[in-house]
């Protein structure tokens, strides 16, 4: 968990929350961008492969899928934070 927190503290890290829009609206890390898992394949080309990425969701299942998808598309610096609450001091 310390690794996730240090990554999130870095200004270059991009936090992607792959929960649905409704889930995201109920609470999220203020620095995260909501890209629901089903939209990630379409938006993946718009992401910067050079930046570290932390992915999160409600409990870790969807973020694990998102992390694998990103890695399979050439993203080397991907970390699965699991639940979105692991990305903030909420």
N, C-alpha and C. Protein backbone atom coordinates (compact mmCIF):
# COMPACT_ATOMS: atom_id res chain seq x y z
N UNK A 1 0.82 -1.20 0.00
CA UNK A 1 0.00 0.00 0.00
C UNK A 1 0.86 1.26 0.00
N UNK A 2 2.04 1.19 0.62
CA UNK A 2 2.92 2.37 0.62
C UNK A 2 3.33 2.74 -0.80
N UNK A 3 3.57 1.71 -1.63
CA UNK A 3 3.95 1.97 -3.02
C UNK A 3 2.84 2.73 -3.75
N UNK A 4 1.61 2.32 -3.54
CA UNK A 4 0.47 3.00 -4.17
C UNK A 4 0.41 4.45 -3.70
N UNK A 5 0.54 4.67 -2.40
CA UNK A 5 0.48 6.03 -1.87
C UNK A 5 1.60 6.91 -2.40
N UNK A 6 2.81 6.36 -2.53
CA UNK A 6 3.92 7.17 -3.06
C UNK A 6 3.71 7.46 -4.54
N UNK A 7 3.16 6.51 -5.28
CA UNK A 7 2.86 6.77 -6.69
C UNK A 7 1.81 7.87 -6.83
N UNK A 8 0.77 7.79 -6.02
CA UNK A 8 -0.31 8.77 -6.08
C UNK A 8 0.18 10.16 -5.72
N UNK A 9 1.14 10.23 -4.82
CA UNK A 9 1.69 11.53 -4.41
C UNK A 9 2.52 12.18 -5.51
N UNK A 10 3.01 11.40 -6.45
CA UNK A 10 3.83 11.95 -7.54
C UNK A 10 2.93 12.69 -8.54
N UNK A 11 3.31 13.91 -8.91
CA UNK A 11 2.46 14.69 -9.81
C UNK A 11 2.31 14.08 -11.20
N UNK A 12 3.23 13.23 -11.61
CA UNK A 12 3.15 12.65 -12.96
C UNK A 12 2.21 11.45 -13.05
N UNK A 13 1.78 10.92 -11.90
CA UNK A 13 0.93 9.73 -11.90
C UNK A 13 -0.50 10.07 -12.30
N UNK A 14 -1.05 9.20 -13.14
CA UNK A 14 -2.40 9.34 -13.64
C UNK A 14 -3.25 8.28 -12.94
N UNK A 15 -4.32 8.67 -12.25
CA UNK A 15 -5.20 7.74 -11.55
C UNK A 15 -6.46 7.53 -12.39
N UNK A 16 -6.71 6.28 -12.75
CA UNK A 16 -7.90 5.95 -13.54
C UNK A 16 -8.83 5.09 -12.68
N UNK A 17 -10.04 5.57 -12.49
CA UNK A 17 -11.07 4.85 -11.74
C UNK A 17 -12.00 4.21 -12.78
N UNK A 18 -12.05 2.88 -12.81
CA UNK A 18 -12.80 2.18 -13.85
C UNK A 18 -14.22 1.78 -13.41
N UNK A 19 -14.70 2.36 -12.32
CA UNK A 19 -16.08 2.09 -11.90
C UNK A 19 -17.05 2.78 -12.85
N UNK A 20 -18.33 2.43 -12.73
CA UNK A 20 -19.36 3.08 -13.54
C UNK A 20 -19.45 4.56 -13.15
N UNK A 21 -20.07 5.34 -13.99
CA UNK A 21 -20.23 6.77 -13.69
C UNK A 21 -21.02 6.98 -12.40
N UNK A 22 -22.05 6.17 -12.18
CA UNK A 22 -22.85 6.29 -10.96
C UNK A 22 -22.01 5.97 -9.72
N UNK A 23 -21.20 4.93 -9.79
CA UNK A 23 -20.33 4.58 -8.66
C UNK A 23 -19.34 5.71 -8.40
N UNK A 24 -18.75 6.23 -9.46
CA UNK A 24 -17.77 7.31 -9.34
C UNK A 24 -18.40 8.54 -8.70
N UNK A 25 -19.64 8.85 -9.09
CA UNK A 25 -20.34 10.02 -8.55
C UNK A 25 -20.61 9.90 -7.05
N UNK A 26 -20.63 8.68 -6.54
CA UNK A 26 -20.91 8.49 -5.12
C UNK A 26 -19.68 8.71 -4.24
N UNK A 27 -18.52 8.89 -4.85
CA UNK A 27 -17.29 9.15 -4.11
C UNK A 27 -16.09 8.70 -4.90
N UNK A 28 -15.04 9.53 -4.89
CA UNK A 28 -13.83 9.20 -5.66
C UNK A 28 -12.66 10.05 -5.20
N UNK A 29 -11.47 9.62 -5.55
CA UNK A 29 -10.28 10.43 -5.33
C UNK A 29 -10.40 11.66 -6.23
N UNK A 30 -10.18 12.83 -5.67
CA UNK A 30 -10.34 14.07 -6.45
C UNK A 30 -9.37 14.18 -7.62
N UNK A 31 -8.26 13.43 -7.59
CA UNK A 31 -7.29 13.49 -8.68
C UNK A 31 -7.54 12.42 -9.75
N UNK A 32 -8.56 11.58 -9.56
CA UNK A 32 -8.78 10.49 -10.50
C UNK A 32 -9.69 10.89 -11.65
N UNK A 33 -9.51 10.17 -12.75
CA UNK A 33 -10.34 10.34 -13.94
C UNK A 33 -11.20 9.09 -14.06
N UNK A 34 -12.48 9.28 -14.29
CA UNK A 34 -13.38 8.14 -14.45
C UNK A 34 -13.41 7.69 -15.90
N UNK A 35 -12.89 6.50 -16.14
CA UNK A 35 -13.02 5.84 -17.44
C UNK A 35 -13.59 4.46 -17.13
N UNK A 36 -14.92 4.29 -17.23
CA UNK A 36 -15.50 2.99 -16.93
C UNK A 36 -14.82 1.88 -17.74
N UNK A 37 -14.71 0.71 -17.15
CA UNK A 37 -13.99 -0.39 -17.76
C UNK A 37 -14.45 -0.67 -19.19
N UNK A 38 -15.75 -0.60 -19.44
CA UNK A 38 -16.24 -0.89 -20.79
C UNK A 38 -15.86 0.19 -21.81
N UNK A 39 -15.43 1.36 -21.35
CA UNK A 39 -14.99 2.43 -22.25
C UNK A 39 -13.48 2.47 -22.44
N UNK A 40 -12.75 1.75 -21.60
CA UNK A 40 -11.29 1.80 -21.63
C UNK A 40 -10.70 1.39 -22.99
N UNK A 41 -11.19 0.33 -23.65
CA UNK A 41 -10.60 -0.03 -24.94
C UNK A 41 -10.66 1.11 -25.97
N UNK A 42 -11.69 1.92 -25.91
CA UNK A 42 -11.84 3.03 -26.86
C UNK A 42 -10.92 4.20 -26.49
N UNK A 43 -10.73 4.42 -25.20
CA UNK A 43 -9.96 5.58 -24.72
C UNK A 43 -8.47 5.29 -24.55
N UNK A 44 -8.07 4.04 -24.65
CA UNK A 44 -6.70 3.65 -24.35
C UNK A 44 -5.68 4.39 -25.22
N UNK A 45 -6.02 4.66 -26.45
CA UNK A 45 -5.10 5.35 -27.37
C UNK A 45 -4.84 6.79 -26.95
N UNK A 46 -5.72 7.36 -26.14
CA UNK A 46 -5.57 8.75 -25.71
C UNK A 46 -4.67 8.90 -24.48
N UNK A 47 -4.30 7.78 -23.86
CA UNK A 47 -3.51 7.83 -22.63
C UNK A 47 -2.02 7.87 -22.94
N UNK A 48 -1.26 8.50 -22.06
CA UNK A 48 0.19 8.66 -22.22
C UNK A 48 0.91 7.43 -21.65
N UNK A 49 1.55 6.67 -22.52
CA UNK A 49 2.25 5.45 -22.11
C UNK A 49 3.49 5.73 -21.27
N UNK A 50 3.95 6.96 -21.25
CA UNK A 50 5.16 7.32 -20.50
C UNK A 50 4.88 7.62 -19.04
N UNK A 51 3.63 7.90 -18.70
CA UNK A 51 3.28 8.25 -17.32
C UNK A 51 2.91 7.03 -16.50
N UNK A 52 3.26 7.03 -15.21
CA UNK A 52 2.78 5.95 -14.34
C UNK A 52 1.26 6.04 -14.20
N UNK A 53 0.61 4.89 -14.20
CA UNK A 53 -0.85 4.84 -14.08
C UNK A 53 -1.22 3.96 -12.90
N UNK A 54 -2.14 4.45 -12.09
CA UNK A 54 -2.72 3.67 -10.99
C UNK A 54 -4.19 3.48 -11.35
N UNK A 55 -4.65 2.23 -11.35
CA UNK A 55 -6.06 1.96 -11.65
C UNK A 55 -6.76 1.49 -10.38
N UNK A 56 -8.03 1.85 -10.26
CA UNK A 56 -8.82 1.45 -9.10
C UNK A 56 -10.26 1.22 -9.51
N UNK A 57 -11.01 0.57 -8.63
CA UNK A 57 -12.44 0.33 -8.86
C UNK A 57 -13.11 0.20 -7.50
N UNK A 58 -14.14 -0.61 -7.39
CA UNK A 58 -14.84 -0.76 -6.11
C UNK A 58 -14.10 -1.71 -5.17
N UNK A 59 -13.59 -2.82 -5.72
CA UNK A 59 -12.95 -3.80 -4.84
C UNK A 59 -11.67 -4.42 -5.40
N UNK A 60 -11.36 -4.19 -6.65
CA UNK A 60 -10.12 -4.69 -7.23
C UNK A 60 -10.28 -5.57 -8.45
N UNK A 61 -11.45 -6.11 -8.69
CA UNK A 61 -11.66 -7.00 -9.83
C UNK A 61 -11.57 -6.29 -11.17
N UNK A 62 -12.33 -5.22 -11.32
CA UNK A 62 -12.30 -4.48 -12.59
C UNK A 62 -10.97 -3.78 -12.80
N UNK A 63 -10.37 -3.29 -11.72
CA UNK A 63 -9.07 -2.63 -11.88
C UNK A 63 -7.99 -3.63 -12.28
N UNK A 64 -8.11 -4.89 -11.84
CA UNK A 64 -7.15 -5.92 -12.28
C UNK A 64 -7.30 -6.16 -13.78
N UNK A 65 -8.53 -6.20 -14.27
CA UNK A 65 -8.76 -6.35 -15.71
C UNK A 65 -8.22 -5.15 -16.47
N UNK A 66 -8.45 -3.96 -15.94
CA UNK A 66 -7.96 -2.73 -16.59
C UNK A 66 -6.44 -2.71 -16.63
N UNK A 67 -5.80 -3.10 -15.53
CA UNK A 67 -4.34 -3.12 -15.48
C UNK A 67 -3.79 -4.08 -16.52
N UNK A 68 -4.39 -5.26 -16.64
CA UNK A 68 -3.95 -6.24 -17.64
C UNK A 68 -4.14 -5.69 -19.05
N UNK A 69 -5.27 -5.03 -19.29
CA UNK A 69 -5.55 -4.45 -20.60
C UNK A 69 -4.51 -3.39 -20.95
N UNK A 70 -4.18 -2.54 -20.00
CA UNK A 70 -3.18 -1.50 -20.23
C UNK A 70 -1.81 -2.11 -20.51
N UNK A 71 -1.42 -3.08 -19.72
CA UNK A 71 -0.12 -3.74 -19.93
C UNK A 71 -0.06 -4.41 -21.30
N UNK A 72 -1.14 -5.05 -21.71
CA UNK A 72 -1.20 -5.71 -23.01
C UNK A 72 -1.16 -4.73 -24.17
N UNK A 73 -1.39 -3.46 -23.87
CA UNK A 73 -1.36 -2.41 -24.89
C UNK A 73 -0.13 -1.53 -24.76
N UNK A 74 0.91 -2.03 -24.12
CA UNK A 74 2.19 -1.34 -24.09
C UNK A 74 2.44 -0.39 -22.94
N UNK A 75 1.57 -0.37 -21.95
CA UNK A 75 1.78 0.48 -20.78
C UNK A 75 2.62 -0.30 -19.77
N UNK A 76 3.82 0.20 -19.49
CA UNK A 76 4.75 -0.53 -18.62
C UNK A 76 4.59 -0.17 -17.14
N UNK A 77 4.15 1.04 -16.85
CA UNK A 77 4.08 1.53 -15.47
C UNK A 77 2.64 1.55 -14.97
N UNK A 78 2.08 0.37 -14.74
CA UNK A 78 0.69 0.25 -14.31
C UNK A 78 0.64 -0.44 -12.95
N UNK A 79 -0.11 0.15 -12.03
CA UNK A 79 -0.29 -0.42 -10.69
C UNK A 79 -1.77 -0.54 -10.40
N UNK A 80 -2.19 -1.70 -9.92
CA UNK A 80 -3.58 -1.91 -9.52
C UNK A 80 -3.69 -1.58 -8.03
N UNK A 81 -4.42 -0.51 -7.72
CA UNK A 81 -4.62 -0.11 -6.32
C UNK A 81 -5.75 -0.88 -5.67
N UNK A 82 -6.55 -1.59 -6.46
CA UNK A 82 -7.71 -2.29 -5.90
C UNK A 82 -8.84 -1.30 -5.68
N UNK A 83 -9.37 -1.27 -4.48
CA UNK A 83 -10.49 -0.38 -4.16
C UNK A 83 -10.07 1.09 -4.26
N UNK A 84 -10.97 1.92 -4.73
CA UNK A 84 -10.67 3.34 -4.90
C UNK A 84 -10.30 3.99 -3.58
N UNK A 85 -10.81 3.47 -2.49
CA UNK A 85 -10.49 4.05 -1.18
C UNK A 85 -9.01 3.88 -0.83
N UNK A 86 -8.32 2.98 -1.52
CA UNK A 86 -6.88 2.82 -1.32
C UNK A 86 -6.09 3.96 -1.97
N UNK A 87 -6.77 4.79 -2.76
CA UNK A 87 -6.08 5.88 -3.46
C UNK A 87 -6.19 7.21 -2.75
N UNK A 88 -6.88 7.24 -1.62
CA UNK A 88 -7.03 8.52 -0.91
C UNK A 88 -7.16 8.29 0.59
N UNK A 89 -7.06 9.35 1.32
CA UNK A 89 -7.26 9.30 2.77
C UNK A 89 -8.70 9.66 3.06
N UNK A 90 -9.63 8.77 2.68
CA UNK A 90 -11.06 9.05 2.82
C UNK A 90 -11.62 8.42 4.09
